[in-house]
N, C-alpha and C. Protein backbone atom coordinates (compact mmCIF):
# COMPACT_ATOMS: atom_id res chain seq x y z
N MET A 1 -14.76 -11.30 -30.67
CA MET A 1 -15.41 -10.75 -29.51
C MET A 1 -14.36 -9.97 -28.70
N SER A 2 -14.66 -8.76 -28.37
CA SER A 2 -13.75 -8.00 -27.52
C SER A 2 -14.56 -7.29 -26.45
N ARG A 3 -13.84 -6.89 -25.45
CA ARG A 3 -14.50 -6.19 -24.36
C ARG A 3 -13.61 -5.05 -23.91
N LEU A 4 -14.18 -3.88 -23.89
CA LEU A 4 -13.52 -2.74 -23.28
C LEU A 4 -13.91 -2.77 -21.82
N SER A 5 -12.97 -2.52 -20.96
CA SER A 5 -13.23 -2.56 -19.54
C SER A 5 -13.61 -1.18 -19.04
N GLU A 6 -14.77 -1.08 -18.38
CA GLU A 6 -15.20 0.20 -17.83
C GLU A 6 -14.23 0.68 -16.75
N SER A 7 -13.78 -0.23 -15.91
CA SER A 7 -12.88 0.16 -14.83
C SER A 7 -11.43 0.29 -15.30
N LEU A 8 -11.14 -0.26 -16.47
CA LEU A 8 -9.80 -0.17 -17.06
C LEU A 8 -9.94 0.34 -18.49
N PRO A 9 -10.25 1.62 -18.66
CA PRO A 9 -10.55 2.13 -20.01
C PRO A 9 -9.37 2.07 -20.98
N PHE A 10 -8.18 1.83 -20.47
CA PHE A 10 -6.99 1.74 -21.32
C PHE A 10 -6.66 0.29 -21.69
N MET A 11 -7.54 -0.66 -21.34
CA MET A 11 -7.33 -2.08 -21.65
C MET A 11 -8.45 -2.61 -22.53
N ILE A 12 -8.09 -3.47 -23.47
CA ILE A 12 -9.04 -4.16 -24.33
C ILE A 12 -8.74 -5.66 -24.21
N PHE A 13 -9.77 -6.46 -24.03
CA PHE A 13 -9.62 -7.91 -23.91
C PHE A 13 -10.31 -8.53 -25.11
N GLU A 14 -9.59 -9.45 -25.77
CA GLU A 14 -10.11 -9.95 -27.04
C GLU A 14 -9.68 -11.39 -27.30
N GLU A 15 -10.58 -12.15 -27.94
CA GLU A 15 -10.21 -13.44 -28.48
C GLU A 15 -9.81 -13.21 -29.93
N VAL A 16 -8.68 -13.79 -30.33
CA VAL A 16 -8.19 -13.61 -31.69
C VAL A 16 -7.98 -14.97 -32.34
N ARG A 17 -8.09 -14.99 -33.63
CA ARG A 17 -7.94 -16.25 -34.38
C ARG A 17 -6.49 -16.73 -34.40
N ASP A 18 -5.56 -15.82 -34.59
CA ASP A 18 -4.16 -16.17 -34.77
C ASP A 18 -3.33 -15.52 -33.66
N GLY A 19 -3.04 -16.28 -32.61
CA GLY A 19 -2.27 -15.74 -31.50
C GLY A 19 -0.87 -15.33 -31.89
N SER A 20 -0.27 -16.04 -32.83
CA SER A 20 1.11 -15.72 -33.21
C SER A 20 1.21 -14.35 -33.86
N ARG A 21 0.17 -13.92 -34.52
CA ARG A 21 0.16 -12.60 -35.16
C ARG A 21 0.32 -11.48 -34.13
N TYR A 22 -0.19 -11.70 -32.94
CA TYR A 22 -0.20 -10.67 -31.91
C TYR A 22 0.84 -10.87 -30.82
N ALA A 23 1.11 -12.11 -30.47
CA ALA A 23 1.89 -12.35 -29.25
C ALA A 23 3.07 -13.29 -29.42
N GLN A 24 3.49 -13.57 -30.67
CA GLN A 24 4.58 -14.52 -30.86
C GLN A 24 5.87 -14.08 -30.18
N ASP A 25 6.24 -12.81 -30.28
CA ASP A 25 7.48 -12.34 -29.65
C ASP A 25 7.42 -12.52 -28.14
N LEU A 26 6.31 -12.15 -27.54
CA LEU A 26 6.14 -12.31 -26.10
C LEU A 26 6.23 -13.79 -25.71
N PHE A 27 5.50 -14.65 -26.44
CA PHE A 27 5.48 -16.07 -26.12
C PHE A 27 6.87 -16.69 -26.27
N THR A 28 7.57 -16.33 -27.32
CA THR A 28 8.92 -16.84 -27.52
C THR A 28 9.84 -16.41 -26.40
N ARG A 29 9.73 -15.15 -25.98
CA ARG A 29 10.56 -14.65 -24.89
C ARG A 29 10.28 -15.39 -23.58
N LYS A 30 9.03 -15.75 -23.34
CA LYS A 30 8.66 -16.40 -22.09
C LYS A 30 8.84 -17.92 -22.11
N PHE A 31 8.59 -18.56 -23.28
CA PHE A 31 8.58 -20.02 -23.34
C PHE A 31 9.59 -20.61 -24.32
N SER A 32 10.32 -19.79 -25.03
CA SER A 32 11.31 -20.25 -26.00
C SER A 32 10.72 -21.21 -27.03
N SER A 33 9.50 -20.92 -27.45
CA SER A 33 8.88 -21.75 -28.49
C SER A 33 7.80 -20.95 -29.22
N ALA A 34 7.31 -21.55 -30.29
CA ALA A 34 6.24 -20.92 -31.05
C ALA A 34 4.91 -21.11 -30.34
N ILE A 35 4.01 -20.19 -30.55
CA ILE A 35 2.65 -20.33 -30.01
C ILE A 35 2.01 -21.54 -30.68
N PRO A 36 1.41 -22.43 -29.89
CA PRO A 36 0.73 -23.59 -30.49
C PRO A 36 -0.41 -23.15 -31.40
N ASN A 37 -0.71 -23.98 -32.36
CA ASN A 37 -1.76 -23.69 -33.32
C ASN A 37 -3.12 -24.16 -32.77
N TYR A 38 -3.54 -23.58 -31.68
CA TYR A 38 -4.84 -23.89 -31.07
C TYR A 38 -5.86 -22.87 -31.57
N PRO A 39 -7.13 -23.21 -31.50
CA PRO A 39 -8.13 -22.29 -32.05
C PRO A 39 -8.52 -21.12 -31.13
N HIS A 40 -8.20 -21.14 -29.86
CA HIS A 40 -8.68 -20.10 -28.95
C HIS A 40 -7.50 -19.36 -28.31
N HIS A 41 -7.25 -18.14 -28.82
CA HIS A 41 -6.16 -17.30 -28.31
C HIS A 41 -6.78 -16.02 -27.73
N PHE A 42 -6.22 -15.57 -26.62
CA PHE A 42 -6.76 -14.41 -25.93
C PHE A 42 -5.65 -13.42 -25.64
N ILE A 43 -5.96 -12.14 -25.83
CA ILE A 43 -4.97 -11.10 -25.55
C ILE A 43 -5.59 -9.98 -24.73
N ALA A 44 -4.75 -9.37 -23.93
CA ALA A 44 -5.10 -8.13 -23.24
C ALA A 44 -4.24 -7.05 -23.88
N LEU A 45 -4.90 -6.08 -24.47
CA LEU A 45 -4.20 -4.99 -25.14
C LEU A 45 -4.21 -3.74 -24.28
N TYR A 46 -3.07 -3.10 -24.23
CA TYR A 46 -2.96 -1.79 -23.58
C TYR A 46 -3.06 -0.73 -24.68
N ARG A 47 -3.98 0.23 -24.48
CA ARG A 47 -4.10 1.35 -25.41
C ARG A 47 -3.44 2.55 -24.76
N SER A 48 -2.33 2.98 -25.33
CA SER A 48 -1.58 4.10 -24.78
C SER A 48 -2.35 5.41 -24.96
N ALA A 49 -1.92 6.44 -24.26
CA ALA A 49 -2.54 7.76 -24.39
C ALA A 49 -2.48 8.26 -25.83
N ALA A 50 -1.45 7.84 -26.57
CA ALA A 50 -1.32 8.23 -27.98
C ALA A 50 -2.19 7.38 -28.90
N GLY A 51 -2.81 6.33 -28.35
CA GLY A 51 -3.71 5.48 -29.14
C GLY A 51 -3.08 4.22 -29.69
N SER A 52 -1.78 4.01 -29.49
CA SER A 52 -1.16 2.78 -29.99
C SER A 52 -1.56 1.60 -29.09
N LEU A 53 -1.61 0.41 -29.69
CA LEU A 53 -2.00 -0.81 -28.97
C LEU A 53 -0.80 -1.71 -28.77
N HIS A 54 -0.72 -2.32 -27.57
CA HIS A 54 0.40 -3.19 -27.20
C HIS A 54 -0.14 -4.40 -26.45
N VAL A 55 0.32 -5.60 -26.81
CA VAL A 55 -0.12 -6.81 -26.12
C VAL A 55 0.51 -6.85 -24.74
N ALA A 56 -0.33 -6.74 -23.72
CA ALA A 56 0.14 -6.77 -22.33
C ALA A 56 0.13 -8.18 -21.76
N SER A 57 -0.79 -9.02 -22.26
CA SER A 57 -0.91 -10.38 -21.71
C SER A 57 -1.51 -11.29 -22.77
N TYR A 58 -1.17 -12.59 -22.67
CA TYR A 58 -1.61 -13.59 -23.65
C TYR A 58 -1.93 -14.88 -22.92
N GLY A 59 -2.87 -15.64 -23.45
CA GLY A 59 -3.17 -17.00 -23.00
C GLY A 59 -3.96 -17.72 -24.08
N HIS A 60 -3.95 -19.05 -24.04
CA HIS A 60 -4.74 -19.82 -24.99
C HIS A 60 -5.50 -20.93 -24.28
N VAL A 61 -6.51 -21.45 -24.94
CA VAL A 61 -7.34 -22.52 -24.39
C VAL A 61 -7.56 -23.56 -25.47
N ILE A 62 -7.40 -24.82 -25.08
CA ILE A 62 -7.74 -25.95 -25.94
C ILE A 62 -9.09 -26.46 -25.44
N VAL A 63 -10.02 -26.69 -26.35
CA VAL A 63 -11.26 -27.37 -25.97
C VAL A 63 -11.05 -28.83 -26.27
N HIS A 64 -11.09 -29.65 -25.22
CA HIS A 64 -10.81 -31.08 -25.36
C HIS A 64 -11.70 -31.87 -24.41
N ASP A 65 -12.37 -32.87 -24.93
CA ASP A 65 -13.12 -33.81 -24.11
C ASP A 65 -14.13 -33.10 -23.21
N GLY A 66 -14.78 -32.07 -23.74
CA GLY A 66 -15.83 -31.37 -23.00
C GLY A 66 -15.35 -30.38 -21.95
N MET A 67 -14.08 -29.97 -22.03
CA MET A 67 -13.56 -29.01 -21.06
C MET A 67 -12.57 -28.09 -21.74
N GLY A 68 -12.30 -26.95 -21.10
CA GLY A 68 -11.29 -26.03 -21.60
C GLY A 68 -10.00 -26.22 -20.82
N LEU A 69 -8.89 -26.31 -21.54
CA LEU A 69 -7.57 -26.47 -20.92
C LEU A 69 -6.76 -25.23 -21.26
N GLY A 70 -6.51 -24.40 -20.26
CA GLY A 70 -5.83 -23.13 -20.47
C GLY A 70 -4.33 -23.23 -20.29
N GLY A 71 -3.61 -22.47 -21.07
CA GLY A 71 -2.15 -22.47 -20.95
C GLY A 71 -1.54 -21.28 -21.67
N GLY A 72 -0.22 -21.27 -21.69
CA GLY A 72 0.51 -20.24 -22.41
C GLY A 72 0.42 -18.87 -21.79
N SER A 73 0.06 -18.81 -20.53
CA SER A 73 -0.14 -17.52 -19.88
C SER A 73 1.17 -16.76 -19.74
N CYS A 74 1.14 -15.51 -20.17
CA CYS A 74 2.32 -14.66 -20.01
C CYS A 74 1.92 -13.20 -20.08
N THR A 75 2.71 -12.38 -19.42
CA THR A 75 2.50 -10.94 -19.39
C THR A 75 3.79 -10.25 -19.79
N ASP A 76 3.66 -9.17 -20.53
CA ASP A 76 4.83 -8.43 -20.99
C ASP A 76 5.09 -7.26 -20.04
N GLU A 77 6.11 -7.42 -19.22
CA GLU A 77 6.47 -6.38 -18.25
C GLU A 77 6.91 -5.09 -18.92
N ARG A 78 7.39 -5.20 -20.15
CA ARG A 78 7.79 -3.99 -20.89
C ARG A 78 6.57 -3.10 -21.19
N VAL A 79 5.43 -3.73 -21.46
CA VAL A 79 4.21 -2.96 -21.71
C VAL A 79 3.74 -2.32 -20.41
N LEU A 80 3.87 -3.03 -19.31
CA LEU A 80 3.49 -2.44 -18.02
C LEU A 80 4.31 -1.19 -17.74
N ARG A 81 5.58 -1.20 -18.12
CA ARG A 81 6.44 -0.03 -17.91
C ARG A 81 6.05 1.15 -18.80
N MET A 82 5.34 0.88 -19.90
CA MET A 82 4.87 1.97 -20.78
C MET A 82 3.74 2.77 -20.13
N MET A 83 3.04 2.14 -19.20
CA MET A 83 1.87 2.76 -18.60
C MET A 83 2.26 3.89 -17.66
N SER A 84 1.34 4.82 -17.51
CA SER A 84 1.54 5.87 -16.52
C SER A 84 1.45 5.24 -15.13
N SER A 85 1.96 5.92 -14.14
CA SER A 85 1.89 5.38 -12.78
C SER A 85 0.44 5.23 -12.34
N ASP A 86 -0.44 6.14 -12.75
CA ASP A 86 -1.87 6.01 -12.40
C ASP A 86 -2.49 4.79 -13.06
N GLU A 87 -2.15 4.53 -14.34
CA GLU A 87 -2.68 3.35 -15.02
C GLU A 87 -2.18 2.08 -14.35
N ARG A 88 -0.89 2.02 -14.03
CA ARG A 88 -0.35 0.83 -13.34
C ARG A 88 -1.04 0.61 -12.01
N ALA A 89 -1.27 1.68 -11.26
CA ALA A 89 -1.92 1.55 -9.96
C ALA A 89 -3.36 1.06 -10.12
N THR A 90 -4.07 1.61 -11.11
CA THR A 90 -5.45 1.18 -11.37
C THR A 90 -5.48 -0.29 -11.78
N LEU A 91 -4.58 -0.67 -12.67
CA LEU A 91 -4.51 -2.05 -13.14
C LEU A 91 -4.14 -3.00 -12.01
N ARG A 92 -3.18 -2.60 -11.19
CA ARG A 92 -2.77 -3.43 -10.05
C ARG A 92 -3.94 -3.63 -9.07
N SER A 93 -4.70 -2.57 -8.80
CA SER A 93 -5.82 -2.69 -7.87
C SER A 93 -6.94 -3.56 -8.44
N ALA A 94 -7.01 -3.68 -9.77
CA ALA A 94 -8.00 -4.54 -10.42
C ALA A 94 -7.52 -5.97 -10.57
N GLY A 95 -6.28 -6.25 -10.13
CA GLY A 95 -5.76 -7.62 -10.18
C GLY A 95 -4.63 -7.82 -11.17
N GLY A 96 -4.40 -6.85 -12.04
CA GLY A 96 -3.33 -6.99 -13.03
C GLY A 96 -3.87 -7.40 -14.39
N PRO A 97 -3.04 -7.30 -15.43
CA PRO A 97 -3.51 -7.59 -16.78
C PRO A 97 -3.92 -9.05 -16.98
N HIS A 98 -3.15 -9.96 -16.44
CA HIS A 98 -3.47 -11.37 -16.70
C HIS A 98 -4.67 -11.84 -15.89
N CYS A 99 -4.82 -11.36 -14.68
CA CYS A 99 -6.00 -11.69 -13.88
C CYS A 99 -7.27 -11.29 -14.64
N ASN A 100 -7.27 -10.10 -15.20
CA ASN A 100 -8.42 -9.63 -15.95
C ASN A 100 -8.60 -10.37 -17.26
N LEU A 101 -7.50 -10.76 -17.89
CA LEU A 101 -7.60 -11.58 -19.09
C LEU A 101 -8.23 -12.93 -18.77
N ILE A 102 -7.82 -13.54 -17.67
CA ILE A 102 -8.40 -14.83 -17.27
C ILE A 102 -9.90 -14.69 -17.05
N ARG A 103 -10.32 -13.63 -16.40
CA ARG A 103 -11.76 -13.40 -16.18
C ARG A 103 -12.50 -13.27 -17.51
N PHE A 104 -11.87 -12.61 -18.48
CA PHE A 104 -12.46 -12.50 -19.82
C PHE A 104 -12.54 -13.89 -20.46
N ILE A 105 -11.49 -14.68 -20.31
CA ILE A 105 -11.49 -16.05 -20.84
C ILE A 105 -12.64 -16.85 -20.23
N PHE A 106 -12.83 -16.75 -18.92
CA PHE A 106 -13.93 -17.47 -18.27
C PHE A 106 -15.27 -17.09 -18.91
N SER A 107 -15.52 -15.80 -19.06
CA SER A 107 -16.81 -15.37 -19.60
C SER A 107 -16.98 -15.80 -21.05
N THR A 108 -15.91 -15.78 -21.82
CA THR A 108 -15.98 -16.20 -23.23
C THR A 108 -16.16 -17.71 -23.35
N MET A 109 -15.41 -18.46 -22.57
CA MET A 109 -15.45 -19.92 -22.68
C MET A 109 -16.73 -20.52 -22.10
N ALA A 110 -17.45 -19.78 -21.27
CA ALA A 110 -18.70 -20.29 -20.69
C ALA A 110 -19.72 -20.66 -21.76
N GLU A 111 -19.59 -20.08 -22.93
CA GLU A 111 -20.47 -20.42 -24.05
C GLU A 111 -20.11 -21.77 -24.66
N ARG A 112 -18.91 -22.30 -24.35
CA ARG A 112 -18.39 -23.48 -25.04
C ARG A 112 -18.18 -24.70 -24.15
N VAL A 113 -17.81 -24.47 -22.90
CA VAL A 113 -17.50 -25.58 -21.99
C VAL A 113 -18.01 -25.24 -20.58
N PRO A 114 -18.25 -26.26 -19.76
CA PRO A 114 -18.69 -25.97 -18.39
C PRO A 114 -17.54 -25.63 -17.44
N VAL A 115 -16.33 -26.11 -17.75
CA VAL A 115 -15.20 -25.94 -16.83
C VAL A 115 -13.95 -25.59 -17.62
N VAL A 116 -13.16 -24.67 -17.05
CA VAL A 116 -11.85 -24.35 -17.60
C VAL A 116 -10.81 -24.78 -16.57
N PHE A 117 -9.78 -25.47 -17.03
CA PHE A 117 -8.69 -25.93 -16.16
C PHE A 117 -7.40 -25.21 -16.53
N ALA A 118 -6.51 -25.13 -15.58
CA ALA A 118 -5.16 -24.63 -15.82
C ALA A 118 -4.20 -25.56 -15.10
N TYR A 119 -3.06 -25.78 -15.69
CA TYR A 119 -2.01 -26.55 -15.05
C TYR A 119 -0.91 -25.55 -14.73
N CYS A 120 -0.68 -25.33 -13.44
CA CYS A 120 0.20 -24.24 -13.02
C CYS A 120 1.24 -24.74 -12.03
N GLY A 121 2.50 -24.70 -12.43
CA GLY A 121 3.59 -25.12 -11.56
C GLY A 121 4.38 -23.96 -10.98
N ASP A 122 3.98 -22.74 -11.30
CA ASP A 122 4.69 -21.55 -10.83
C ASP A 122 3.88 -20.88 -9.72
N SER A 123 4.47 -20.71 -8.55
CA SER A 123 3.72 -20.20 -7.40
C SER A 123 3.23 -18.77 -7.62
N ARG A 124 4.02 -17.92 -8.29
CA ARG A 124 3.57 -16.55 -8.55
C ARG A 124 2.39 -16.54 -9.52
N ALA A 125 2.45 -17.36 -10.55
CA ALA A 125 1.35 -17.45 -11.51
C ALA A 125 0.10 -18.00 -10.83
N GLN A 126 0.29 -18.94 -9.92
CA GLN A 126 -0.87 -19.51 -9.23
C GLN A 126 -1.61 -18.46 -8.40
N ILE A 127 -0.88 -17.54 -7.82
CA ILE A 127 -1.52 -16.46 -7.05
C ILE A 127 -2.46 -15.67 -7.97
N VAL A 128 -2.00 -15.35 -9.17
CA VAL A 128 -2.83 -14.62 -10.14
C VAL A 128 -4.02 -15.47 -10.55
N ASP A 129 -3.78 -16.74 -10.83
CA ASP A 129 -4.86 -17.64 -11.25
C ASP A 129 -5.95 -17.73 -10.18
N LEU A 130 -5.55 -17.87 -8.92
CA LEU A 130 -6.52 -17.96 -7.83
C LEU A 130 -7.26 -16.64 -7.66
N ARG A 131 -6.57 -15.53 -7.78
CA ARG A 131 -7.21 -14.21 -7.68
C ARG A 131 -8.25 -14.04 -8.78
N ALA A 132 -7.98 -14.59 -9.96
CA ALA A 132 -8.90 -14.47 -11.10
C ALA A 132 -10.15 -15.32 -10.91
N GLY A 133 -10.07 -16.35 -10.08
CA GLY A 133 -11.25 -17.18 -9.84
C GLY A 133 -11.04 -18.67 -9.96
N PHE A 134 -9.85 -19.12 -10.34
CA PHE A 134 -9.58 -20.55 -10.32
C PHE A 134 -9.60 -21.03 -8.87
N GLU A 135 -9.80 -22.32 -8.70
CA GLU A 135 -9.69 -22.94 -7.38
C GLU A 135 -8.74 -24.13 -7.48
N THR A 136 -8.14 -24.48 -6.36
CA THR A 136 -7.25 -25.64 -6.34
C THR A 136 -8.09 -26.92 -6.42
N THR A 137 -7.44 -28.00 -6.79
CA THR A 137 -8.07 -29.32 -6.82
C THR A 137 -7.23 -30.25 -5.96
N ASP A 138 -7.64 -31.50 -5.89
CA ASP A 138 -6.86 -32.50 -5.14
C ASP A 138 -5.62 -32.95 -5.90
N TYR A 139 -5.45 -32.46 -7.11
CA TYR A 139 -4.32 -32.86 -7.95
C TYR A 139 -3.27 -31.74 -7.95
N PRO A 140 -2.01 -32.08 -7.73
CA PRO A 140 -0.96 -31.04 -7.70
C PRO A 140 -0.95 -30.23 -9.01
N HIS A 141 -0.89 -28.93 -8.88
CA HIS A 141 -0.76 -27.98 -10.00
C HIS A 141 -2.02 -27.82 -10.85
N LEU A 142 -3.07 -28.62 -10.62
CA LEU A 142 -4.28 -28.52 -11.45
C LEU A 142 -5.28 -27.59 -10.77
N LEU A 143 -5.65 -26.55 -11.50
CA LEU A 143 -6.64 -25.58 -11.04
C LEU A 143 -7.87 -25.69 -11.91
N ARG A 144 -9.03 -25.28 -11.40
CA ARG A 144 -10.24 -25.34 -12.21
C ARG A 144 -11.16 -24.18 -11.87
N ARG A 145 -12.05 -23.92 -12.83
CA ARG A 145 -13.11 -22.94 -12.63
C ARG A 145 -14.33 -23.41 -13.40
N ALA A 146 -15.41 -23.68 -12.68
CA ALA A 146 -16.68 -23.96 -13.35
C ALA A 146 -17.18 -22.62 -13.87
N VAL A 147 -17.35 -22.52 -15.18
CA VAL A 147 -17.75 -21.26 -15.79
C VAL A 147 -19.24 -21.21 -16.11
N ARG A 148 -19.90 -22.32 -15.87
CA ARG A 148 -21.36 -22.37 -15.91
C ARG A 148 -21.79 -23.51 -15.00
N SER A 149 -23.05 -23.63 -14.78
CA SER A 149 -23.58 -24.62 -13.84
C SER A 149 -23.19 -26.03 -14.28
N VAL A 150 -22.68 -26.80 -13.32
CA VAL A 150 -22.27 -28.17 -13.61
C VAL A 150 -22.54 -29.00 -12.34
N GLU A 151 -23.09 -30.18 -12.54
CA GLU A 151 -23.37 -31.08 -11.42
C GLU A 151 -22.07 -31.50 -10.75
N ALA A 152 -22.12 -31.74 -9.45
CA ALA A 152 -20.92 -32.09 -8.67
C ALA A 152 -20.24 -33.34 -9.23
N ASP A 153 -21.01 -34.36 -9.60
CA ASP A 153 -20.41 -35.59 -10.14
C ASP A 153 -19.70 -35.33 -11.47
N GLU A 154 -20.29 -34.49 -12.31
CA GLU A 154 -19.66 -34.17 -13.59
C GLU A 154 -18.38 -33.36 -13.36
N LEU A 155 -18.39 -32.44 -12.41
CA LEU A 155 -17.20 -31.65 -12.10
C LEU A 155 -16.07 -32.56 -11.62
N ILE A 156 -16.39 -33.52 -10.79
CA ILE A 156 -15.39 -34.48 -10.29
C ILE A 156 -14.81 -35.29 -11.46
N GLU A 157 -15.69 -35.74 -12.36
CA GLU A 157 -15.23 -36.54 -13.50
C GLU A 157 -14.38 -35.72 -14.46
N LEU A 158 -14.79 -34.50 -14.74
CA LEU A 158 -13.99 -33.64 -15.62
C LEU A 158 -12.63 -33.35 -14.99
N THR A 159 -12.61 -33.14 -13.70
CA THR A 159 -11.35 -32.88 -12.99
C THR A 159 -10.44 -34.10 -13.07
N ARG A 160 -11.00 -35.27 -12.89
CA ARG A 160 -10.21 -36.50 -12.99
C ARG A 160 -9.61 -36.65 -14.38
N ARG A 161 -10.43 -36.37 -15.40
CA ARG A 161 -9.93 -36.48 -16.79
C ARG A 161 -8.86 -35.45 -17.10
N ALA A 162 -9.03 -34.24 -16.59
CA ALA A 162 -8.01 -33.20 -16.82
C ALA A 162 -6.71 -33.61 -16.14
N ALA A 163 -6.80 -34.16 -14.94
CA ALA A 163 -5.59 -34.59 -14.21
C ALA A 163 -4.92 -35.75 -14.93
N ALA A 164 -5.71 -36.68 -15.47
CA ALA A 164 -5.14 -37.83 -16.17
C ALA A 164 -4.41 -37.42 -17.44
N ARG A 165 -4.79 -36.30 -18.01
CA ARG A 165 -4.12 -35.81 -19.22
C ARG A 165 -2.69 -35.39 -18.92
N GLY A 166 -2.42 -34.98 -17.69
CA GLY A 166 -1.07 -34.51 -17.33
C GLY A 166 -0.91 -33.05 -17.68
N PRO A 167 0.30 -32.54 -17.58
CA PRO A 167 0.53 -31.12 -17.87
C PRO A 167 0.09 -30.74 -19.29
N PHE A 168 -0.54 -29.60 -19.39
CA PHE A 168 -0.97 -29.11 -20.72
C PHE A 168 -0.66 -27.64 -20.84
C-alpha cells in the first residue's frame, strides 16, 4: 500500500515488507544496529526532480496484544538537503517527513489495531510525534493515538499494558 501526497507531490509513503532493504543504512547510522525483523515497516520516499527515489524517513510497528507499538523512527537529513528550498519549505509547513509518515502509519494501522503507541525519550522527536497526532499519557515517555473508535475503558487498559511492557 502506498500513498502519493497531493500536498507533497515529491513524497511517497509506503508500507514495505523488508525494511532493511530500504532503510538499513539510515537505521544503522541512527541506532547502530540492524533493523528488527518485524512485519510492519514504513518509509517516506523523496522523489527528486530527476525521478530518483531516496528514503527520507523510516519507522516500524509491532502488532502485539491487540495494539500497535511503534519504534525505529528516523529521518535522513542528507535526503532533506537534496531537496530544493521550495520542497523543504513545503515539507516543513506540512510537518516534515516523519510527521507525515506517522500520519500514514496511523491510517494504515487503523485496519489492524485500535491504538498505536510510541515510546519516546527524545524531546525533539516527541514534538514531531505530538504534531503528527500522538497524545501524552500518564506514563513517562509513552505516547498513544487511538486510530479507530475505542471505548474509554479499553483505551485505559491498552495504555496500561503498553506501559507495563516498558520501552519498545
